[in-house]
Protein backbone atom coordinates (compact mmCIF):
# COMPACT_ATOMS: atom_id res chain seq x y z
CA MET A 1 1.25 7.98 -0.66
CA PHE A 2 2.72 5.19 1.39
CA GLY A 3 2.16 1.48 2.11
CA ILE A 4 4.02 -1.54 3.48
CA VAL A 5 5.80 -2.27 0.18
CA ARG A 6 8.35 0.47 -0.17
CA PRO A 7 11.12 -0.58 -2.58
CA CYS A 8 13.89 1.73 -3.75
CA ARG A 9 16.48 1.58 -6.51
CA HIS A 10 19.04 0.31 -4.01
CA ASN A 11 17.20 -2.94 -3.10
CA LEU A 12 15.03 -3.60 -6.13
CA CYS A 13 17.04 -5.59 -8.69
CA GLY A 14 17.87 -4.65 -12.30
CA GLY A 15 15.17 -2.89 -14.29
CA LEU A 16 12.47 -3.86 -11.81
CA PHE A 17 12.63 -0.47 -10.13
CA ALA A 18 11.86 1.23 -13.45
CA GLU A 19 8.85 -1.15 -13.90
CA TRP A 20 7.64 -0.36 -10.43
CA MET A 21 7.87 3.38 -11.05
CA ALA A 22 5.97 2.95 -14.32
CA HIS A 23 3.09 1.47 -12.35
CA LEU A 24 3.31 4.13 -9.57
CA CYS A 25 3.30 7.07 -11.99
CA GLY A 26 0.65 5.33 -14.12
CA LEU A 27 -1.65 5.13 -11.08
CA CYS A 28 -1.08 8.79 -10.17
CA VAL A 29 -1.71 9.98 -13.75
CA ALA A 30 -4.79 7.75 -14.13
CA LEU A 31 -6.29 9.23 -10.95
CA ARG A 32 -5.59 12.78 -12.23
CA ASP A 33 -6.93 12.19 -15.73
CA GLU A 34 -10.15 10.42 -14.73
CA HIS A 35 -10.97 12.01 -11.42
CA GLY A 36 -9.13 15.28 -11.03
CA HIS A 37 -5.98 16.43 -9.21
CA ALA A 38 -7.42 15.96 -5.79
CA ALA A 39 -7.79 12.24 -6.40
CA ARG A 40 -4.01 11.92 -6.68
CA LEU A 41 -3.97 12.15 -2.89
CA VAL A 42 -5.05 8.49 -2.73
CA THR A 43 -1.97 7.26 -4.66
CA ASN A 44 -0.30 4.62 -2.55
CA TYR A 45 2.42 2.05 -2.93
CA ASP A 46 0.26 -0.97 -2.05
CA GLY A 47 -2.64 -0.13 -4.34
CA LEU A 48 -0.42 -0.30 -7.44
CA LEU A 49 0.15 -4.00 -6.76
CA VAL A 50 -3.18 -4.56 -8.57
CA SER A 51 -1.64 -2.96 -11.64
CA VAL A 52 1.55 -5.02 -11.29
CA LEU A 53 -0.43 -8.27 -11.03
CA THR A 54 -2.55 -7.48 -14.03
CA GLU A 55 0.40 -6.71 -16.25
CA ALA A 56 2.39 -9.75 -14.97
CA GLN A 57 -0.36 -12.01 -16.35
CA THR A 58 -0.55 -10.45 -19.81
CA PRO A 59 1.89 -11.19 -22.62
CA VAL A 60 2.17 -7.52 -23.78
CA THR A 61 2.96 -4.47 -21.66
CA ARG A 62 1.27 -1.12 -22.42
CA ARG A 63 3.30 2.09 -21.88
CA ARG A 64 2.95 5.69 -22.85
CA ARG A 65 5.23 8.65 -22.44
CA ALA A 66 4.26 11.05 -19.62
CA LYS A 67 5.39 14.63 -19.47
CA ALA A 68 7.80 16.03 -16.91
CA CYS A 69 6.74 15.87 -13.27
CA ALA A 70 8.21 17.59 -10.19
CA LEU A 71 8.25 14.28 -8.24
CA ARG A 72 10.50 12.77 -10.97
CA GLY A 73 12.89 15.74 -10.97
CA PHE A 74 11.01 17.39 -13.82
CA LYS A 75 11.71 14.48 -16.12
CA GLY A 76 9.40 12.52 -18.38
CA ALA A 77 8.83 8.80 -18.00
CA ASP A 78 7.26 5.76 -19.62
CA ILE A 79 4.19 4.89 -17.51
CA SER A 80 1.73 2.03 -17.50
CA GLU A 81 -1.69 2.60 -19.02
CA ALA A 82 -3.20 -0.87 -18.87
CA GLU A 83 -6.56 -1.69 -17.35
CA GLY A 84 -4.83 -2.77 -14.16
CA VAL A 85 -3.93 0.85 -13.48
CA ARG A 86 -7.61 1.84 -13.64
CA LEU A 87 -8.55 -1.00 -11.30
CA ALA A 88 -5.85 0.15 -8.87
CA ALA A 89 -7.29 3.67 -9.07
CA SER A 90 -10.81 2.41 -8.39
CA VAL A 91 -9.75 0.36 -5.38
CA SER A 92 -7.64 3.19 -3.95
CA LEU A 93 -10.56 5.62 -4.25
CA ILE A 94 -13.12 3.39 -2.65
CA LEU A 95 -10.92 2.42 0.30
CA ALA A 96 -9.73 6.03 0.80
CA ALA A 97 -13.36 7.18 0.85
CA GLY A 98 -14.15 4.61 3.52
CA LYS A 99 -11.19 5.73 5.61
CA LEU A 100 -12.26 9.34 5.40
CA ARG A 101 -15.80 8.53 6.53
CA ASP A 102 -14.37 6.49 9.43
CA HIS A 103 -12.35 9.52 10.57
CA VAL A 104 -15.39 11.76 10.32
CA GLU A 105 -17.61 9.33 12.34
CA ASP A 106 -14.94 8.96 15.02
CA GLY A 107 -14.19 12.68 15.15
CA ASP A 108 -10.44 12.09 14.91
CA GLY A 109 -8.24 15.18 15.28
CA PRO A 110 -9.28 18.00 12.91
CA PHE A 111 -12.37 15.98 11.91
CA ARG A 112 -13.94 17.08 15.18
CA ARG A 113 -14.44 20.46 13.54
CA ARG A 114 -17.78 20.74 11.74
CA LEU A 115 -16.39 22.45 8.64
CA VAL A 116 -13.61 19.94 8.22
CA ALA A 117 -15.93 17.02 8.74
CA ALA A 118 -18.40 18.38 6.18
CA GLY A 119 -15.67 18.89 3.59
CA ALA A 120 -14.24 15.46 4.22
CA GLY A 121 -17.68 13.89 3.91
CA ARG A 122 -18.28 15.48 0.55
CA LEU A 123 -14.84 14.45 -0.68
CA ALA A 124 -15.48 10.85 0.49
CA ASP A 125 -18.77 10.75 -1.42
CA ARG A 126 -17.03 12.04 -4.53
CA TRP A 127 -14.21 9.51 -4.28
CA SER A 128 -16.64 6.61 -3.62
CA ALA A 129 -18.75 7.55 -6.67
CA ALA A 130 -15.68 7.94 -8.86
CA GLY A 131 -14.22 4.60 -7.75
CA THR A 132 -17.53 2.79 -8.17
CA GLY A 133 -17.95 4.21 -11.65
CA THR A 134 -14.48 3.07 -12.76
CA ALA A 135 -15.10 -0.37 -11.19
CA SER A 136 -18.33 -0.76 -13.17
CA ALA A 137 -16.50 0.08 -16.40
CA LEU A 138 -14.05 -2.72 -15.64
CA ALA A 139 -16.81 -5.19 -14.70
CA PHE A 140 -15.47 -5.27 -11.14
CA ASP A 141 -18.04 -5.64 -8.38
CA PRO A 142 -17.11 -3.05 -5.72
CA GLY A 143 -19.48 -4.69 -3.25
CA PRO A 144 -16.77 -6.55 -1.29
CA LEU A 145 -14.78 -3.36 -0.80
CA LEU A 146 -17.82 -1.31 0.37
CA ALA A 147 -18.90 -4.15 2.64
CA ALA A 148 -15.40 -4.41 4.09
CA VAL A 149 -15.39 -0.72 5.02
CA ARG A 150 -18.78 -1.05 6.76
CA GLU A 151 -17.87 -4.27 8.56
CA GLN A 152 -14.55 -2.93 9.74
CA ALA A 153 -16.30 0.01 11.41
CA LEU A 154 -18.75 -2.34 13.16
CA LEU A 155 -16.02 -4.71 14.35
CA GLU A 156 -13.98 -1.85 15.84
CA ARG A 157 -16.97 -0.88 17.94
CA ARG A 158 -17.41 -4.47 19.26
CA PRO A 159 -15.24 -5.22 22.35
CA GLY A 160 -13.33 -8.49 22.68
CA THR A 161 -13.04 -9.30 18.99
CA ALA A 162 -10.16 -11.62 18.07
CA LEU A 163 -7.29 -10.17 16.06
CA LEU A 164 -7.78 -12.20 12.90
CA ARG A 165 -11.50 -11.40 12.95
CA LEU A 166 -10.51 -7.76 12.94
CA THR A 167 -8.26 -8.20 9.93
CA ALA A 168 -10.88 -10.23 7.98
CA PRO A 169 -12.61 -7.30 6.21
CA THR A 170 -9.28 -6.02 4.87
CA GLU A 171 -8.37 -9.51 3.76
CA ASP A 172 -11.64 -9.89 1.85
CA ALA A 173 -11.29 -6.46 0.15
CA VAL A 174 -7.80 -7.17 -1.06
CA ALA A 175 -8.69 -10.64 -2.16
CA ALA A 176 -11.49 -9.27 -4.36
CA ALA A 177 -9.18 -6.77 -5.97
CA PHE A 178 -6.34 -9.24 -6.54
CA GLY A 179 -8.75 -11.85 -7.88
CA HIS A 180 -10.20 -9.55 -10.50
CA THR A 181 -6.79 -9.03 -12.07
CA ALA A 182 -7.13 -12.57 -13.43
CA VAL A 183 -10.36 -11.53 -15.14
CA LEU A 184 -8.74 -8.45 -16.72
CA ALA A 185 -5.79 -10.44 -17.87
CA GLY A 186 -7.83 -13.30 -19.29
CA LYS A 187 -6.41 -15.91 -16.92
CA PRO A 188 -9.32 -17.16 -14.79
CA GLY A 189 -7.21 -20.12 -13.60
CA ASN A 190 -5.17 -17.68 -11.48
CA ARG A 191 -8.14 -16.31 -9.59
CA ALA A 192 -8.15 -18.68 -6.60
CA ALA A 193 -4.40 -18.23 -6.00
CA LEU A 194 -4.71 -14.48 -6.40
CA GLU A 195 -7.53 -14.30 -3.93
CA GLU A 196 -5.46 -16.31 -1.44
CA ALA A 197 -2.53 -13.95 -1.96
CA GLY A 198 -4.86 -10.99 -1.44
CA ARG A 199 -6.09 -12.36 1.89
CA TYR A 200 -2.52 -12.83 3.17
CA PHE A 201 -1.46 -9.40 1.90
CA GLY A 202 -4.51 -7.74 3.44
CA ARG A 203 -3.73 -9.38 6.78
CA LEU A 204 -0.09 -8.28 6.60
CA ALA A 205 -0.97 -4.69 5.68
CA HIS A 206 -3.52 -4.43 8.51
CA LEU A 207 -1.13 -5.85 11.12
CA LEU A 208 1.94 -3.85 10.10
CA ASP A 209 -0.12 -0.67 10.13
CA ALA A 210 -1.26 -1.52 13.63
CA VAL A 211 2.31 -2.18 14.83
CA GLU A 212 3.57 1.10 13.36
CA ASP A 213 0.81 3.10 14.97
CA LEU A 214 0.81 1.27 18.30
CA ASP A 215 2.69 3.82 20.42
CA ASP A 216 0.90 6.85 18.94
CA ASP A 217 -2.50 5.21 19.37
CA ARG A 218 -1.81 4.38 22.98
CA ALA A 219 -0.65 7.91 23.65
CA GLN A 220 -3.72 9.43 22.05
CA GLY A 221 -6.17 6.88 23.29
CA ALA A 222 -7.07 5.95 19.70
CA TYR A 223 -8.27 2.57 18.51
CA ASN A 224 -5.61 -0.02 17.68
CA PRO A 225 -6.45 -3.67 16.80
CA LEU A 226 -3.52 -5.01 18.85
CA VAL A 227 -4.67 -3.25 21.98
CA ALA A 228 -8.34 -4.03 21.38
CA SER A 229 -7.66 -7.75 20.96
CA GLY A 230 -4.97 -7.97 23.69
CA THR A 231 -2.34 -9.11 21.18
CA ASP A 232 1.36 -8.73 22.03
CA LEU A 233 4.09 -7.94 19.45
CA ALA A 234 5.44 -11.53 19.49
CA THR A 235 2.07 -12.94 18.53
CA ALA A 236 1.59 -10.26 15.89
CA ARG A 237 5.01 -11.09 14.45
CA GLY A 238 4.03 -14.72 14.22
CA HIS A 239 0.92 -13.86 12.21
CA CYS A 240 2.95 -11.66 9.90
CA ASP A 241 5.57 -14.36 9.30
CA ASP A 242 2.85 -16.82 8.45
CA ALA A 243 1.29 -14.30 6.04
CA VAL A 244 4.59 -13.76 4.22
CA GLU A 245 5.05 -17.54 3.83
CA GLY A 246 1.44 -17.86 2.60
CA LEU A 247 2.13 -15.10 0.05
CA ARG A 248 5.26 -16.93 -1.18
CA LEU A 249 3.32 -20.12 -1.75
CA ALA A 250 0.39 -18.36 -3.45
CA VAL A 251 2.71 -16.47 -5.84
CA ALA A 252 4.47 -19.73 -6.67
CA ASP A 253 1.10 -21.13 -7.85
CA LEU A 254 0.41 -18.28 -10.30
CA ASP A 255 0.70 -18.68 -14.06
CA LEU A 256 2.55 -15.47 -14.94
CA GLU A 257 4.13 -14.10 -18.09
CA ARG A 258 6.63 -12.07 -16.05
CA ARG A 259 7.31 -13.14 -12.51
CA GLY A 260 10.22 -10.91 -11.46
CA LEU A 261 8.44 -7.81 -10.14
CA VAL A 262 5.61 -9.81 -8.51
CA ARG A 263 8.06 -11.94 -6.55
CA ALA A 264 10.24 -8.93 -5.65
CA LEU A 265 7.27 -7.00 -4.21
CA LEU A 266 5.00 -9.70 -2.75
CA VAL A 267 7.70 -11.99 -1.42
CA ARG A 268 10.98 -10.15 -0.83
CA GLU A 269 9.68 -6.64 -0.06
CA THR A 270 6.92 -7.85 2.27
CA GLY A 271 9.56 -9.79 4.21
CA ARG A 272 11.65 -6.64 4.42
CA SER A 273 8.60 -4.71 5.63
CA VAL A 274 8.04 -7.15 8.46
CA GLU A 275 11.65 -6.96 9.54
CA ARG A 276 11.72 -3.15 9.36
CA THR A 277 8.45 -2.60 11.16
CA PHE A 278 9.13 -4.91 14.11
CA HIS A 279 12.71 -3.70 14.39
CA GLU A 280 11.54 -0.11 14.63
CA ALA A 281 8.78 -1.09 17.07
CA SER A 282 11.37 -2.69 19.40
CA ASN A 283 14.02 -0.04 19.00
CA LYS A 284 12.28 3.33 19.22
CA ASP A 285 14.52 6.36 18.80
CA PRO A 286 13.96 8.66 21.81
CA ARG A 287 14.40 11.73 19.50
CA VAL A 288 11.26 10.82 17.57
CA LYS A 289 8.47 13.22 18.53
CA PRO A 290 4.74 12.26 18.54
CA ASP A 291 2.80 13.03 15.39
CA PRO A 292 0.61 16.03 16.14
CA GLY A 293 -1.92 15.11 13.45
CA GLY A 294 -4.22 17.68 11.87
CA LEU A 295 -3.12 20.31 9.38
CA VAL A 296 0.53 20.35 10.54
CA SER A 297 0.83 16.61 9.93
CA LEU A 298 -0.82 16.93 6.49
CA LEU A 299 1.53 19.81 5.44
CA CYS A 300 4.58 17.89 6.54
CA THR A 301 3.46 14.75 4.73
CA THR A 302 3.05 16.89 1.60
CA ALA A 303 6.57 18.29 2.07
CA VAL A 304 7.94 14.72 2.35
CA CYS A 305 6.29 13.79 -0.98
CA CYS A 306 7.35 16.97 -2.79
CA THR A 307 10.99 16.57 -1.70
CA CYS A 308 11.04 12.83 -2.40
CA GLY A 309 11.95 12.16 1.20
CA LEU A 310 14.71 14.69 1.57
CA TYR A 311 12.66 16.45 4.26
CA ARG A 312 11.40 14.36 7.15
CA PRO A 313 9.35 15.75 10.06
CA PRO A 314 10.43 15.26 13.69
CA TRP A 315 7.99 12.33 14.12
CA ASP A 316 9.56 10.33 11.27
CA GLU A 317 12.37 7.94 12.29
CA GLU A 318 14.01 8.36 8.88
CA ARG A 319 14.88 11.96 9.91
CA TYR A 320 17.41 10.65 12.45
CA LYS A 321 19.15 8.10 10.23
CA SER A 322 22.53 8.94 8.78
CA CYS A 323 22.81 10.12 5.16
CA TRP A 324 24.60 6.81 4.40
CA ASP A 325 21.67 4.75 5.69
CA ARG A 326 19.10 6.93 3.89
CA PHE A 327 20.65 7.42 0.46
CA VAL A 328 23.58 5.05 -0.10
CA CYS A 329 23.19 1.58 -1.55
CA ASN A 330 23.24 -1.09 1.13
CA CYS A 331 21.37 -3.82 -0.71
CA ASP A 332 21.97 -7.52 -0.05
CA CYS A 333 21.51 -9.44 -3.27
CA SER A 334 21.92 -12.83 -1.54
CA GLY A 335 18.14 -13.12 -1.27
CA CYS A 336 17.31 -12.55 -4.94
CA ASP A 337 16.77 -16.25 -5.49
CA GLY A 338 16.32 -15.94 -9.25
CA CYS A 339 13.95 -13.01 -9.10
CA CYS A 340 15.74 -11.12 -11.82
CA ASP A 341 18.58 -11.24 -14.34
CA CYS A 342 21.03 -9.04 -12.47
CA CYS A 343 21.33 -6.31 -9.88
CA ASP A 344 22.43 -2.91 -11.16
CA CYS A 345 23.98 -1.78 -7.92
CA CYS A 346 25.87 -4.91 -6.90
CA LYS A 347 26.41 -6.50 -10.34
CA CYS A 348 25.64 -9.89 -8.89
CA ASP A 349 24.71 -12.79 -11.10
CA CYS A 350 21.41 -13.96 -9.50
């Protein structure tokens, strides 16, 4: 359900938060309608960027009214139903299937149990077939995504691999997905810039995930690309800052019908993610407990989703933040830089 781009109504300007939610709910509903309720487990914040990019390149937005949902406080909503949502669903399913298989092969946590591994393997096969089928319907070649999953597993078993070589499969997978949005939107001239943006975003997602998991991976003896490549946090931060700047330049080169949400997510929010991740890595709260993994972790993650973040488990740093920090607006609109018309919470004239 998560990702490195995690905007909220307090730091996403104007009506952009409503647009973002339309894509998020659209992805969740598309997964349910085409692939069943279990497929909604692969809904994630970063995957819906494919939907956002597709719509930003098209002159007309496509919305439909969705019925009430518990995660929206039992309210209805206007959600996206464009082809970009289906592409986002396909990408999410294929990559989630690869991640499941990787856990099964490595015997991580509960996957050491034969019954759990067998069930996860069947679910991965189902998700992979579903994602590939949707990709074919959209004329999207899933080959780069499938190859990226295989190559990533091989690289992680090869000692002494350089950090940016380890991030390369993720970069290639995201580049393919981002690039195909130009095909869906009928703007082939954007493809090169979108693929470049995808590579930078894939690198950023891989590195930030590694930084977030660093302490837990060390404690559990699990694989982490920073440890495997001998990379310190300062060097990782440098790579992340370079990726954010590369994203900014790539987005500036795009021919878009609507630029606001793309810039807010791929430029501003990625920068926030870098600041947040490295700040938390350098200022660990001693009250934070290690994630036990397994069924307990899965149930707690489900509780976080179902309560929209009101509940946080003991291994989540958000649990120990004050109510003011968690729920009260503290946005700084000085960085909007023309990304929107106005900011609802601060009423600034950007």
